[in-house]
């Protein structure tokens, strides 16, 4: 089951990746993506092993961004690959046939590429400008999502599409109305004054999505 609300970890001056993940789990998130950039693989593995313990304690799924070897060693539930990361088929050879693999897309052509590669879900974005990504692809917005979802319908492509990139609580209802399956959020949960309230409202909004996978 692919979660309709996904949390992507980020650290800031106030909290580490692990503290942010714990906060998101306590607030009710059950799908955590550990996204660590500009750190050696040993450090990412160290964080992934701790994140896995946290996720297990909350019966949540852990997805590791960008590092198939780390995902395998940490016994993560999944791996997420960006467009510039290792090719999906190469990563699949490392993690084996059972692990979920998600892939980023920015255009319908990317969606078709990801489908051909055999991913389990697609992170489609960015919805709007976000500081968490260094090399930002062209912004899609609601119109971009509507167009791509329509193209998918016409091509009879059925795969969970997760909106990503600068998404706030007030955006979710209109994003779900485009036919998108779910959303991945980072800052909106990381900096929430009342994370539990925020996450519960997000879960209500995402559960309006029609599809189930």
C-alpha atoms as a PDB file:
ATOM      1  CA  UNK A   1       0.000   0.000   0.000  1.00  0.00           C
ATOM      2  CA  UNK A   2       1.495   3.310  -1.114  1.00  0.00           C
ATOM      3  CA  UNK A   3       0.764   6.017   1.478  1.00  0.00           C
ATOM      4  CA  UNK A   4      -1.208   9.058   0.341  1.00  0.00           C
ATOM      5  CA  UNK A   5       0.737  11.280   2.738  1.00  0.00           C
ATOM      6  CA  UNK A   6       4.514  10.989   2.683  1.00  0.00           C
ATOM      7  CA  UNK A   7       7.016  12.909   4.789  1.00  0.00           C
ATOM      8  CA  UNK A   8      10.431  13.774   3.371  1.00  0.00           C
ATOM      9  CA  UNK A   9      13.018  14.398   6.078  1.00  0.00           C
ATOM     10  CA  UNK A  10      14.968  17.607   6.350  1.00  0.00           C
ATOM     11  CA  UNK A  11      17.215  19.023   9.022  1.00  0.00           C
ATOM     12  CA  UNK A  12      17.622  22.633  10.076  1.00  0.00           C
ATOM     13  CA  UNK A  13      19.334  24.648  12.789  1.00  0.00           C
ATOM     14  CA  UNK A  14      16.753  23.501  15.344  1.00  0.00           C
ATOM     15  CA  UNK A  15      16.553  19.781  14.614  1.00  0.00           C
ATOM     16  CA  UNK A  16      18.352  16.853  12.986  1.00  0.00           C
ATOM     17  CA  UNK A  17      16.918  14.454  10.394  1.00  0.00           C
ATOM     18  CA  UNK A  18      16.175  11.919  13.128  1.00  0.00           C
ATOM     19  CA  UNK A  19      14.469  14.465  15.383  1.00  0.00           C
ATOM     20  CA  UNK A  20      12.356  15.659  12.445  1.00  0.00           C
ATOM     21  CA  UNK A  21      11.429  12.060  11.553  1.00  0.00           C
ATOM     22  CA  UNK A  22      10.446  11.287  15.154  1.00  0.00           C
ATOM     23  CA  UNK A  23       8.255  14.388  15.221  1.00  0.00           C
ATOM     24  CA  UNK A  24       6.541  13.380  11.965  1.00  0.00           C
ATOM     25  CA  UNK A  25       5.965   9.824  13.240  1.00  0.00           C
ATOM     26  CA  UNK A  26       4.538  11.059  16.544  1.00  0.00           C
ATOM     27  CA  UNK A  27       2.232  13.340  14.554  1.00  0.00           C
ATOM     28  CA  UNK A  28       0.803  10.366  12.637  1.00  0.00           C
ATOM     29  CA  UNK A  29       2.899   9.990   9.450  1.00  0.00           C
ATOM     30  CA  UNK A  30       3.386   6.344   8.483  1.00  0.00           C
ATOM     31  CA  UNK A  31       5.615   6.821   5.410  1.00  0.00           C
ATOM     32  CA  UNK A  32       9.002   8.456   5.887  1.00  0.00           C
ATOM     33  CA  UNK A  33      11.543   9.207   3.191  1.00  0.00           C
ATOM     34  CA  UNK A  34      15.056   9.767   4.522  1.00  0.00           C
ATOM     35  CA  UNK A  35      16.557  12.346   2.181  1.00  0.00           C
ATOM     36  CA  UNK A  36      20.155  13.191   3.086  1.00  0.00           C
ATOM     37  CA  UNK A  37      22.193  15.227   0.640  1.00  0.00           C
ATOM     38  CA  UNK A  38      25.920  16.093   0.522  1.00  0.00           C
ATOM     39  CA  UNK A  39      26.920  13.479   3.115  1.00  0.00           C
ATOM     40  CA  UNK A  40      29.136  10.395   2.722  1.00  0.00           C
ATOM     41  CA  UNK A  41      27.321   7.076   2.332  1.00  0.00           C
ATOM     42  CA  UNK A  42      28.559   5.873   5.745  1.00  0.00           C
ATOM     43  CA  UNK A  43      26.783   8.796   7.404  1.00  0.00           C
ATOM     44  CA  UNK A  44      23.600   8.148   5.407  1.00  0.00           C
ATOM     45  CA  UNK A  45      23.689   4.480   6.482  1.00  0.00           C
ATOM     46  CA  UNK A  46      24.141   5.496  10.122  1.00  0.00           C
ATOM     47  CA  UNK A  47      21.059   7.731   9.873  1.00  0.00           C
ATOM     48  CA  UNK A  48      19.078   5.099   7.936  1.00  0.00           C
ATOM     49  CA  UNK A  49      19.676   2.423  10.594  1.00  0.00           C
ATOM     50  CA  UNK A  50      18.400   4.785  13.307  1.00  0.00           C
ATOM     51  CA  UNK A  51      15.489   5.945  11.132  1.00  0.00           C
ATOM     52  CA  UNK A  52      14.497   2.302  10.554  1.00  0.00           C
ATOM     53  CA  UNK A  53      14.339   1.703  14.316  1.00  0.00           C
ATOM     54  CA  UNK A  54      12.103   4.757  14.702  1.00  0.00           C
ATOM     55  CA  UNK A  55       9.838   3.720  11.823  1.00  0.00           C
ATOM     56  CA  UNK A  56       9.559   0.154  13.146  1.00  0.00           C
ATOM     57  CA  UNK A  57       8.510   1.494  16.552  1.00  0.00           C
ATOM     58  CA  UNK A  58       5.620   3.330  14.869  1.00  0.00           C
ATOM     59  CA  UNK A  59       4.827   0.582  12.303  1.00  0.00           C
ATOM     60  CA  UNK A  60       5.773   3.042   9.556  1.00  0.00           C
ATOM     61  CA  UNK A  61       7.543   2.497   6.239  1.00  0.00           C
ATOM     62  CA  UNK A  62      11.050   3.850   5.626  1.00  0.00           C
ATOM     63  CA  UNK A  63      12.098   4.902   2.127  1.00  0.00           C
ATOM     64  CA  UNK A  64      15.743   5.841   1.489  1.00  0.00           C
ATOM     65  CA  UNK A  65      16.455   8.512  -1.094  1.00  0.00           C
ATOM     66  CA  UNK A  66      19.221   8.000  -3.657  1.00  0.00           C
ATOM     67  CA  UNK A  67      21.280   5.217  -1.949  1.00  0.00           C
ATOM     68  CA  UNK A  68      20.325   1.639  -2.947  1.00  0.00           C
ATOM     69  CA  UNK A  69      23.144   0.041  -0.927  1.00  0.00           C
ATOM     70  CA  UNK A  70      22.014   1.959   2.171  1.00  0.00           C
ATOM     71  CA  UNK A  71      18.366   0.984   1.596  1.00  0.00           C
ATOM     72  CA  UNK A  72      19.408  -2.683   1.386  1.00  0.00           C
ATOM     73  CA  UNK A  73      21.688  -2.630   4.457  1.00  0.00           C
ATOM     74  CA  UNK A  74      19.156  -0.733   6.572  1.00  0.00           C
ATOM     75  CA  UNK A  75      16.357  -3.140   5.514  1.00  0.00           C
ATOM     76  CA  UNK A  76      14.322  -0.146   4.332  1.00  0.00           C
ATOM     77  CA  UNK A  77      10.905  -0.693   2.782  1.00  0.00           C
ATOM     78  CA  UNK A  78      11.765   1.276  -0.314  1.00  0.00           C
ATOM     79  CA  UNK A  79      14.150   3.386  -2.363  1.00  0.00           C
ATOM     80  CA  UNK A  80      13.416   6.676  -4.113  1.00  0.00           C
ATOM     81  CA  UNK A  81      15.465   7.760  -7.146  1.00  0.00           C
ATOM     82  CA  UNK A  82      15.668  11.211  -8.693  1.00  0.00           C
ATOM     83  CA  UNK A  83      16.093  11.756 -12.428  1.00  0.00           C
ATOM     84  CA  UNK A  84      19.841  12.279 -11.991  1.00  0.00           C
ATOM     85  CA  UNK A  85      20.306   9.326  -9.630  1.00  0.00           C
ATOM     86  CA  UNK A  86      21.259   5.747 -10.467  1.00  0.00           C
ATOM     87  CA  UNK A  87      19.082   4.147 -13.197  1.00  0.00           C
ATOM     88  CA  UNK A  88      16.154   2.152 -11.796  1.00  0.00           C
ATOM     89  CA  UNK A  89      17.205  -1.158 -13.397  1.00  0.00           C
ATOM     90  CA  UNK A  90      20.697  -0.870 -11.906  1.00  0.00           C
ATOM     91  CA  UNK A  91      19.232  -0.056  -8.475  1.00  0.00           C
ATOM     92  CA  UNK A  92      16.750  -2.944  -8.787  1.00  0.00           C
ATOM     93  CA  UNK A  93      19.681  -5.333  -9.316  1.00  0.00           C
ATOM     94  CA  UNK A  94      21.104  -4.129  -5.979  1.00  0.00           C
ATOM     95  CA  UNK A  95      17.965  -4.044  -3.812  1.00  0.00           C
ATOM     96  CA  UNK A  96      16.260  -7.114  -5.269  1.00  0.00           C
ATOM     97  CA  UNK A  97      12.754  -7.711  -6.622  1.00  0.00           C
ATOM     98  CA  UNK A  98      10.766  -7.119  -3.412  1.00  0.00           C
ATOM     99  CA  UNK A  99      11.777  -3.590  -2.420  1.00  0.00           C
ATOM    100  CA  UNK A 100       9.549  -0.720  -3.555  1.00  0.00           C
ATOM    101  CA  UNK A 101      11.191   1.791  -5.863  1.00  0.00           C
ATOM    102  CA  UNK A 102       9.791   5.245  -6.485  1.00  0.00           C
ATOM    103  CA  UNK A 103      11.048   7.607  -9.170  1.00  0.00           C
ATOM    104  CA  UNK A 104      10.886  11.350  -9.684  1.00  0.00           C
ATOM    105  CA  UNK A 105       9.270  12.824 -12.804  1.00  0.00           C
ATOM    106  CA  UNK A 106       8.703  16.352 -14.109  1.00  0.00           C
ATOM    107  CA  UNK A 107       7.011  15.732 -17.478  1.00  0.00           C
ATOM    108  CA  UNK A 108       4.696  13.174 -19.102  1.00  0.00           C
ATOM    109  CA  UNK A 109       7.747  11.844 -20.976  1.00  0.00           C
ATOM    110  CA  UNK A 110       9.398  11.210 -17.595  1.00  0.00           C
ATOM    111  CA  UNK A 111       6.222   9.455 -16.415  1.00  0.00           C
ATOM    112  CA  UNK A 112       6.385   7.119 -19.419  1.00  0.00           C
ATOM    113  CA  UNK A 113      10.091   6.533 -18.756  1.00  0.00           C
ATOM    114  CA  UNK A 114       9.365   5.643 -15.114  1.00  0.00           C
ATOM    115  CA  UNK A 115       6.535   3.296 -16.106  1.00  0.00           C
ATOM    116  CA  UNK A 116       8.877   1.534 -18.566  1.00  0.00           C
ATOM    117  CA  UNK A 117      11.477   1.222 -15.805  1.00  0.00           C
ATOM    118  CA  UNK A 118       8.939  -0.527 -13.583  1.00  0.00           C
ATOM    119  CA  UNK A 119       8.746   1.858 -10.619  1.00  0.00           C
ATOM    120  CA  UNK A 120       6.066   1.313  -7.972  1.00  0.00           C
ATOM    121  CA  UNK A 121       5.100   4.975  -7.708  1.00  0.00           C
ATOM    122  CA  UNK A 122       6.095   8.353  -9.154  1.00  0.00           C
ATOM    123  CA  UNK A 123       6.951  11.575  -7.332  1.00  0.00           C
ATOM    124  CA  UNK A 124       5.720  14.274  -9.732  1.00  0.00           C
ATOM    125  CA  UNK A 125       6.862  17.848  -9.254  1.00  0.00           C
ATOM    126  CA  UNK A 126       7.781  20.366  -8.235  1.00  0.00           C
ATOM    127  CA  UNK A 127       4.385  21.840  -7.429  1.00  0.00           C
ATOM    128  CA  UNK A 128       6.017  25.190  -6.618  1.00  0.00           C
ATOM    129  CA  UNK A 129       9.432  26.616  -5.792  1.00  0.00           C
ATOM    130  CA  UNK A 130      11.133  24.810  -2.910  1.00  0.00           C
ATOM    131  CA  UNK A 131      14.424  25.513  -1.160  1.00  0.00           C
ATOM    132  CA  UNK A 132      14.956  21.829  -0.296  1.00  0.00           C
ATOM    133  CA  UNK A 133      16.071  21.025  -3.853  1.00  0.00           C
ATOM    134  CA  UNK A 134      19.226  22.508  -5.365  1.00  0.00           C
ATOM    135  CA  UNK A 135      18.578  21.855  -9.082  1.00  0.00           C
ATOM    136  CA  UNK A 136      14.885  22.544  -9.430  1.00  0.00           C
ATOM    137  CA  UNK A 137      12.986  21.266 -12.474  1.00  0.00           C
ATOM    138  CA  UNK A 138      10.334  23.494 -14.130  1.00  0.00           C
ATOM    139  CA  UNK A 139       7.433  24.196 -11.759  1.00  0.00           C
ATOM    140  CA  UNK A 140       4.209  22.338 -12.611  1.00  0.00           C
ATOM    141  CA  UNK A 141       1.482  23.936 -10.489  1.00  0.00           C
ATOM    142  CA  UNK A 142      -2.132  22.716 -10.637  1.00  0.00           C
ATOM    143  CA  UNK A 143      -2.371  23.131 -14.412  1.00  0.00           C
ATOM    144  CA  UNK A 144       0.715  20.994 -14.949  1.00  0.00           C
ATOM    145  CA  UNK A 145      -0.759  18.240 -12.793  1.00  0.00           C
ATOM    146  CA  UNK A 146      -4.117  18.406 -14.593  1.00  0.00           C
ATOM    147  CA  UNK A 147      -2.406  18.112 -17.983  1.00  0.00           C
ATOM    148  CA  UNK A 148      -0.191  15.171 -17.024  1.00  0.00           C
ATOM    149  CA  UNK A 149      -3.019  13.319 -15.277  1.00  0.00           C
ATOM    150  CA  UNK A 150      -5.152  13.756 -18.411  1.00  0.00           C
ATOM    151  CA  UNK A 151      -2.298  12.458 -20.590  1.00  0.00           C
ATOM    152  CA  UNK A 152      -1.928   9.437 -18.305  1.00  0.00           C
ATOM    153  CA  UNK A 153      -5.650   8.714 -18.520  1.00  0.00           C
ATOM    154  CA  UNK A 154      -5.549   8.895 -22.321  1.00  0.00           C
ATOM    155  CA  UNK A 155      -2.532   6.574 -22.386  1.00  0.00           C
ATOM    156  CA  UNK A 156      -4.286   4.241 -19.904  1.00  0.00           C
ATOM    157  CA  UNK A 157      -1.393   4.486 -17.461  1.00  0.00           C
ATOM    158  CA  UNK A 158      -2.377   3.649 -13.896  1.00  0.00           C
ATOM    159  CA  UNK A 159       0.308   4.222 -11.266  1.00  0.00           C
ATOM    160  CA  UNK A 160       0.263   6.101  -7.934  1.00  0.00           C
ATOM    161  CA  UNK A 161       1.319   9.705  -8.605  1.00  0.00           C
ATOM    162  CA  UNK A 162       2.589  11.644  -5.596  1.00  0.00           C
ATOM    163  CA  UNK A 163       2.707  15.435  -5.866  1.00  0.00           C
ATOM    164  CA  UNK A 164       5.894  16.923  -4.442  1.00  0.00           C
ATOM    165  CA  UNK A 165       7.651  20.246  -4.042  1.00  0.00           C
ATOM    166  CA  UNK A 166       6.762  23.103  -1.709  1.00  0.00           C
ATOM    167  CA  UNK A 167       3.312  21.737  -0.843  1.00  0.00           C
ATOM    168  CA  UNK A 168       1.459  23.333   2.083  1.00  0.00           C
ATOM    169  CA  UNK A 169      -1.677  22.145   3.896  1.00  0.00           C
ATOM    170  CA  UNK A 170      -3.922  24.576   2.024  1.00  0.00           C
ATOM    171  CA  UNK A 171      -2.742  23.198  -1.353  1.00  0.00           C
ATOM    172  CA  UNK A 172      -3.695  19.571  -0.780  1.00  0.00           C
ATOM    173  CA  UNK A 173      -7.435  19.601  -1.520  1.00  0.00           C
ATOM    174  CA  UNK A 174      -7.000  21.267  -4.936  1.00  0.00           C
ATOM    175  CA  UNK A 175      -4.032  18.981  -5.801  1.00  0.00           C
ATOM    176  CA  UNK A 176      -6.103  15.858  -5.009  1.00  0.00           C
ATOM    177  CA  UNK A 177      -8.900  17.184  -7.242  1.00  0.00           C
ATOM    178  CA  UNK A 178      -6.568  16.939 -10.262  1.00  0.00           C
ATOM    179  CA  UNK A 179      -6.608  13.129  -9.915  1.00  0.00           C
ATOM    180  CA  UNK A 180      -3.281  12.957  -8.073  1.00  0.00           C
ATOM    181  CA  UNK A 181      -3.079   9.994  -5.678  1.00  0.00           C
ATOM    182  CA  UNK A 182      -1.205  11.624  -2.798  1.00  0.00           C
ATOM    183  CA  UNK A 183       1.311  14.229  -1.645  1.00  0.00           C
ATOM    184  CA  UNK A 184       4.830  14.287  -0.237  1.00  0.00           C
ATOM    185  CA  UNK A 185       5.560  17.125   2.145  1.00  0.00           C
ATOM    186  CA  UNK A 186       8.607  18.306   4.010  1.00  0.00           C
ATOM    187  CA  UNK A 187       8.698  21.849   5.385  1.00  0.00           C
ATOM    188  CA  UNK A 188       4.945  22.010   6.069  1.00  0.00           C
ATOM    189  CA  UNK A 189       5.389  19.294   8.711  1.00  0.00           C
ATOM    190  CA  UNK A 190       8.962  20.102   9.799  1.00  0.00           C
ATOM    191  CA  UNK A 191       8.069  23.651  10.808  1.00  0.00           C
ATOM    192  CA  UNK A 192       4.447  23.056  11.896  1.00  0.00           C
ATOM    193  CA  UNK A 193       3.595  24.632  15.265  1.00  0.00           C
ATOM    194  CA  UNK A 194       1.187  21.775  15.965  1.00  0.00           C
ATOM    195  CA  UNK A 195       2.489  18.826  13.893  1.00  0.00           C
ATOM    196  CA  UNK A 196      -0.209  16.387  15.043  1.00  0.00           C
ATOM    197  CA  UNK A 197      -3.038  18.728  14.065  1.00  0.00           C
ATOM    198  CA  UNK A 198      -1.351  19.503  10.733  1.00  0.00           C
ATOM    199  CA  UNK A 199      -0.754  15.836   9.871  1.00  0.00           C
ATOM    200  CA  UNK A 200      -4.294  14.796  10.839  1.00  0.00           C
ATOM    201  CA  UNK A 201      -5.741  17.488   8.575  1.00  0.00           C
ATOM    202  CA  UNK A 202      -3.404  16.427   5.757  1.00  0.00           C
ATOM    203  CA  UNK A 203      -4.510  12.796   6.179  1.00  0.00           C
ATOM    204  CA  UNK A 204      -8.157  13.851   5.926  1.00  0.00           C
ATOM    205  CA  UNK A 205      -7.449  15.822   2.730  1.00  0.00           C
ATOM    206  CA  UNK A 206      -5.400  13.083   1.058  1.00  0.00           C
ATOM    207  CA  UNK A 207      -7.967  10.410   1.887  1.00  0.00           C
ATOM    208  CA  UNK A 208     -10.318  12.164  -0.545  1.00  0.00           C
ATOM    209  CA  UNK A 209      -8.189  10.700  -3.367  1.00  0.00           C
ATOM    210  CA  UNK A 210     -10.289   8.169  -5.285  1.00  0.00           C
ATOM    211  CA  UNK A 211      -7.674   5.544  -6.196  1.00  0.00           C
ATOM    212  CA  UNK A 212      -6.257   2.795  -4.006  1.00  0.00           C
ATOM    213  CA  UNK A 213      -3.005   0.968  -4.710  1.00  0.00           C
END
